[in-house]
PDB file of N, CA and C in Angstrom:
ATOM      1  N   MET A   1     101.990  57.699  94.821  1.00  0.00           N
ATOM      2  CA  MET A   1     100.592  57.434  95.904  1.00  0.00           C
ATOM      3  C   MET A   1      99.778  58.297  95.927  1.00  0.00           C
ATOM      4  N   GLN A   2      98.273  58.590  95.794  1.00  0.00           N
ATOM      5  CA  GLN A   2      97.169  59.389  95.930  1.00  0.00           C
ATOM      6  C   GLN A   2      97.500  59.886  97.854  1.00  0.00           C
ATOM      7  N   ARG A   3      97.022  61.059  98.171  1.00  0.00           N
ATOM      8  CA  ARG A   3      97.270  61.360  99.035  1.00  0.00           C
ATOM      9  C   ARG A   3      95.951  61.433  99.515  1.00  0.00           C
ATOM     10  N   TYR A   4      95.250  61.380 101.105  1.00  0.00           N
ATOM     11  CA  TYR A   4      94.302  60.635 101.671  1.00  0.00           C
ATOM     12  C   TYR A   4      94.250  61.580 103.124  1.00  0.00           C
ATOM     13  N   PHE A   5      93.235  61.091 103.814  1.00  0.00           N
ATOM     14  CA  PHE A   5      93.023  62.036 105.030  1.00  0.00           C
ATOM     15  C   PHE A   5      93.645  60.935 106.131  1.00  0.00           C
ATOM     16  N   ASN A   6      94.358  60.764 106.804  1.00  0.00           N
ATOM     17  CA  ASN A   6      94.607  60.614 107.803  1.00  0.00           C
ATOM     18  C   ASN A   6      94.097  60.568 109.299  1.00  0.00           C
ATOM     19  N   VAL A   7      93.585  59.147 110.054  1.00  0.00           N
ATOM     20  CA  VAL A   7      92.504  59.661 110.826  1.00  0.00           C
ATOM     21  C   VAL A   7      93.143  58.568 112.189  1.00  0.00           C
ATOM     22  N   ALA A   8      93.955  57.757 111.308  1.00  0.00           N
ATOM     23  CA  ALA A   8      94.819  57.148 112.657  1.00  0.00           C
ATOM     24  C   ALA A   8      96.092  56.931 113.158  1.00  0.00           C
ATOM     25  N   GLY A   9      96.210  58.168 113.002  1.00  0.00           N
ATOM     26  CA  GLY A   9      98.033  58.041 113.249  1.00  0.00           C
ATOM     27  C   GLY A   9      99.015  59.107 112.955  1.00  0.00           C
ATOM     28  N   PRO A  10      99.942  59.639 113.236  1.00  0.00           N
ATOM     29  CA  PRO A  10     100.688  60.850 112.564  1.00  0.00           C
ATOM     30  C   PRO A  10     100.375  61.104 110.921  1.00  0.00           C
ATOM     31  N   CYS A  11     100.556  62.388 110.877  1.00  0.00           N
ATOM     32  CA  CYS A  11     100.262  62.796 109.630  1.00  0.00           C
ATOM     33  C   CYS A  11     101.543  63.238 108.777  1.00  0.00           C
ATOM     34  N   VAL A  12     101.899  62.219 107.249  1.00  0.00           N
ATOM     35  CA  VAL A  12     102.999  62.937 107.037  1.00  0.00           C
ATOM     36  C   VAL A  12     102.545  63.765 105.255  1.00  0.00           C
ATOM     37  N   PRO A  13     102.419  65.243 105.736  1.00  0.00           N
ATOM     38  CA  PRO A  13     102.420  66.104 104.140  1.00  0.00           C
ATOM     39  C   PRO A  13     102.491  65.360 103.107  1.00  0.00           C
ATOM     40  N   ASP A  14     103.537  64.200 102.362  1.00  0.00           N
ATOM     41  CA  ASP A  14     103.685  64.386 101.397  1.00  0.00           C
ATOM     42  C   ASP A  14     102.292  62.891 100.911  1.00  0.00           C
ATOM     43  N   GLU A  15     102.301  62.313 102.235  1.00  0.00           N
ATOM     44  CA  GLU A  15     101.164  61.042 101.740  1.00  0.00           C
ATOM     45  C   GLU A  15      99.830  61.531 102.463  1.00  0.00           C
ATOM     46  N   HIS A  16      99.111  62.802 103.611  1.00  0.00           N
ATOM     47  CA  HIS A  16      98.277  62.708 103.736  1.00  0.00           C
ATOM     48  C   HIS A  16      98.046  64.485 103.925  1.00  0.00           C
ATOM     49  N   TYR A  17      96.503  64.657 103.512  1.00  0.00           N
ATOM     50  CA  TYR A  17      95.953  66.121 103.553  1.00  0.00           C
ATOM     51  C   TYR A  17      95.923  66.501 105.029  1.00  0.00           C
ATOM     52  N   LEU A  18      96.426  67.676 105.206  1.00  0.00           N
ATOM     53  CA  LEU A  18      96.376  68.535 106.418  1.00  0.00           C
ATOM     54  C   LEU A  18      95.435  69.671 106.137  1.00  0.00           C
ATOM     55  N   LEU A  19      94.830  70.121 107.504  1.00  0.00           N
ATOM     56  CA  LEU A  19      94.077  71.228 107.391  1.00  0.00           C
ATOM     57  C   LEU A  19      94.914  72.134 108.673  1.00  0.00           C
ATOM     58  N   PRO A  20      94.395  73.544 108.101  1.00  0.00           N
ATOM     59  CA  PRO A  20      95.091  74.182 108.893  1.00  0.00           C
ATOM     60  C   PRO A  20      94.896  74.337 110.827  1.00  0.00           C
ATOM     61  N   THR A  21      96.139  74.194 111.212  1.00  0.00           N
ATOM     62  CA  THR A  21      95.621  74.182 112.366  1.00  0.00           C
ATOM     63  C   THR A  21      95.696  75.707 113.400  1.00  0.00           C
ATOM     64  N   SER A  22      96.114  76.710 112.524  1.00  0.00           N
ATOM     65  CA  SER A  22      96.390  77.894 113.518  1.00  0.00           C
ATOM     66  C   SER A  22      94.968  78.223 114.011  1.00  0.00           C
ATOM     67  N   GLU A  23      93.799  78.384 113.235  1.00  0.00           N
ATOM     68  CA  GLU A  23      92.692  78.561 114.185  1.00  0.00           C
ATOM     69  C   GLU A  23      92.313  77.969 115.283  1.00  0.00           C
ATOM     70  N   ARG A  24      92.333  76.384 115.360  1.00  0.00           N
ATOM     71  CA  ARG A  24      91.818  75.732 116.361  1.00  0.00           C
ATOM     72  C   ARG A  24      93.043  75.799 117.351  1.00  0.00           C
ATOM     73  N   CYS A  25      94.086  76.190 117.041  1.00  0.00           N
ATOM     74  CA  CYS A  25      94.871  75.809 118.327  1.00  0.00           C
ATOM     75  C   CYS A  25      94.829  77.311 119.001  1.00  0.00           C
ATOM     76  N   ALA A  26      93.782  78.286 118.558  1.00  0.00           N
ATOM     77  CA  ALA A  26      94.118  79.784 119.492  1.00  0.00           C
ATOM     78  C   ALA A  26      93.836  79.832 120.817  1.00  0.00           C
ATOM     79  N   GLU A  27      92.760  78.557 120.947  1.00  0.00           N
ATOM     80  CA  GLU A  27      92.141  78.573 122.398  1.00  0.00           C
ATOM     81  C   GLU A  27      92.545  76.936 122.747  1.00  0.00           C
ATOM     82  N   ILE A  28      93.316  76.762 122.246  1.00  0.00           N
ATOM     83  CA  ILE A  28      93.997  75.135 123.451  1.00  0.00           C
ATOM     84  C   ILE A  28      93.944  74.978 124.231  1.00  0.00           C
ATOM     85  N   HIS A  29      94.827  76.063 124.819  1.00  0.00           N
ATOM     86  CA  HIS A  29      95.660  75.613 126.509  1.00  0.00           C
ATOM     87  C   HIS A  29      94.527  76.089 127.161  1.00  0.00           C
ATOM     88  N   SER A  30      93.667  77.069 127.198  1.00  0.00           N
ATOM     89  CA  SER A  30      92.533  76.901 127.969  1.00  0.00           C
ATOM     90  C   SER A  30      91.520  76.070 128.406  1.00  0.00           C
ATOM     91  N   LEU A  31      91.345  75.258 126.810  1.00  0.00           N
ATOM     92  CA  LEU A  31      90.627  73.847 126.731  1.00  0.00           C
ATOM     93  C   LEU A  31      91.023  72.874 127.862  1.00  0.00           C
ATOM     94  N   ILE A  32      92.654  72.862 127.449  1.00  0.00           N
ATOM     95  CA  ILE A  32      93.663  71.348 128.285  1.00  0.00           C
ATOM     96  C   ILE A  32      93.413  72.595 129.309  1.00  0.00           C
ATOM     97  N   ALA A  33      93.690  73.462 129.793  1.00  0.00           N
ATOM     98  CA  ALA A  33      93.114  73.811 131.336  1.00  0.00           C
ATOM     99  C   ALA A  33      92.052  73.430 132.074  1.00  0.00           C
ATOM    100  N   ALA A  34      91.292  73.893 131.575  1.00  0.00           N
ATOM    101  CA  ALA A  34      89.696  73.283 131.606  1.00  0.00           C
ATOM    102  C   ALA A  34      89.104  71.837 131.474  1.00  0.00           C
ATOM    103  N   ARG A  35      89.799  71.337 131.177  1.00  0.00           N
ATOM    104  CA  ARG A  35      89.721  69.602 131.257  1.00  0.00           C
ATOM    105  C   ARG A  35      88.700  69.583 129.887  1.00  0.00           C
ATOM    106  N   LEU A  36      88.847  70.585 129.122  1.00  0.00           N
ATOM    107  CA  LEU A  36      87.817  69.978 127.632  1.00  0.00           C
ATOM    108  C   LEU A  36      88.081  69.513 126.875  1.00  0.00           C
ATOM    109  N   PHE A  37      88.761  68.352 126.670  1.00  0.00           N
ATOM    110  CA  PHE A  37      88.959  67.529 126.021  1.00  0.00           C
ATOM    111  C   PHE A  37      88.470  66.233 125.680  1.00  0.00           C
ATOM    112  N   PHE A  38      89.072  65.334 124.415  1.00  0.00           N
ATOM    113  CA  PHE A  38      88.289  63.854 124.875  1.00  0.00           C
ATOM    114  C   PHE A  38      89.324  63.182 124.981  1.00  0.00           C
ATOM    115  N   GLY A  39      90.411  63.058 125.744  1.00  0.00           N
ATOM    116  CA  GLY A  39      91.666  62.363 126.186  1.00  0.00           C
ATOM    117  C   GLY A  39      92.774  62.393 125.460  1.00  0.00           C
ATOM    118  N   PRO A  40      93.756  61.967 126.352  1.00  0.00           N
ATOM    119  CA  PRO A  40      95.182  62.052 126.040  1.00  0.00           C
ATOM    120  C   PRO A  40      95.782  62.067 124.954  1.00  0.00           C
ATOM    121  N   ARG A  41      94.959  61.408 123.735  1.00  0.00           N
ATOM    122  CA  ARG A  41      95.451  61.419 122.710  1.00  0.00           C
ATOM    123  C   ARG A  41      95.280  62.408 121.795  1.00  0.00           C
ATOM    124  N   CYS A  42      94.196  63.133 122.379  1.00  0.00           N
ATOM    125  CA  CYS A  42      93.479  64.440 121.652  1.00  0.00           C
ATOM    126  C   CYS A  42      94.458  65.567 122.564  1.00  0.00           C
ATOM    127  N   SER A  43      94.791  65.686 123.555  1.00  0.00           N
ATOM    128  CA  SER A  43      95.853  66.716 124.221  1.00  0.00           C
ATOM    129  C   SER A  43      96.642  66.430 123.673  1.00  0.00           C
ATOM    130  N   LYS A  44      97.351  65.840 123.305  1.00  0.00           N
ATOM    131  CA  LYS A  44      98.723  65.729 123.015  1.00  0.00           C
ATOM    132  C   LYS A  44      98.860  65.824 121.355  1.00  0.00           C
ATOM    133  N   ILE A  45      97.834  65.424 120.587  1.00  0.00           N
ATOM    134  CA  ILE A  45      97.881  65.961 118.940  1.00  0.00           C
ATOM    135  C   ILE A  45      97.488  67.251 118.907  1.00  0.00           C
ATOM    136  N   TRP A  46      96.420  68.256 120.207  1.00  0.00           N
ATOM    137  CA  TRP A  46      96.101  69.613 119.843  1.00  0.00           C
ATOM    138  C   TRP A  46      97.514  69.997 120.787  1.00  0.00           C
ATOM    139  N   HIS A  47      98.443  70.053 121.683  1.00  0.00           N
ATOM    140  CA  HIS A  47      99.590  70.470 122.170  1.00  0.00           C
ATOM    141  C   HIS A  47     100.717  70.426 120.637  1.00  0.00           C
ATOM    142  N   ALA A  48     100.872  68.894 120.411  1.00  0.00           N
ATOM    143  CA  ALA A  48     101.787  69.427 119.313  1.00  0.00           C
ATOM    144  C   ALA A  48     101.791  70.208 117.794  1.00  0.00           C
ATOM    145  N   SER A  49     100.430  70.507 117.695  1.00  0.00           N
ATOM    146  CA  SER A  49      99.739  70.856 116.768  1.00  0.00           C
ATOM    147  C   SER A  49     100.526  72.859 116.455  1.00  0.00           C
TER     148      SER A  49
END
């Protein structure tokens, strides 16, 4: 099966392309504390990364 970008659920490395999260996560805790996120699903995804 060819890998693809998954935008609808959990990413599985063998099935989906993944982008590095280390650059995005540097300031995530301050964004969540300031409530600058786009809903509970986004905050859970960022926090889990």
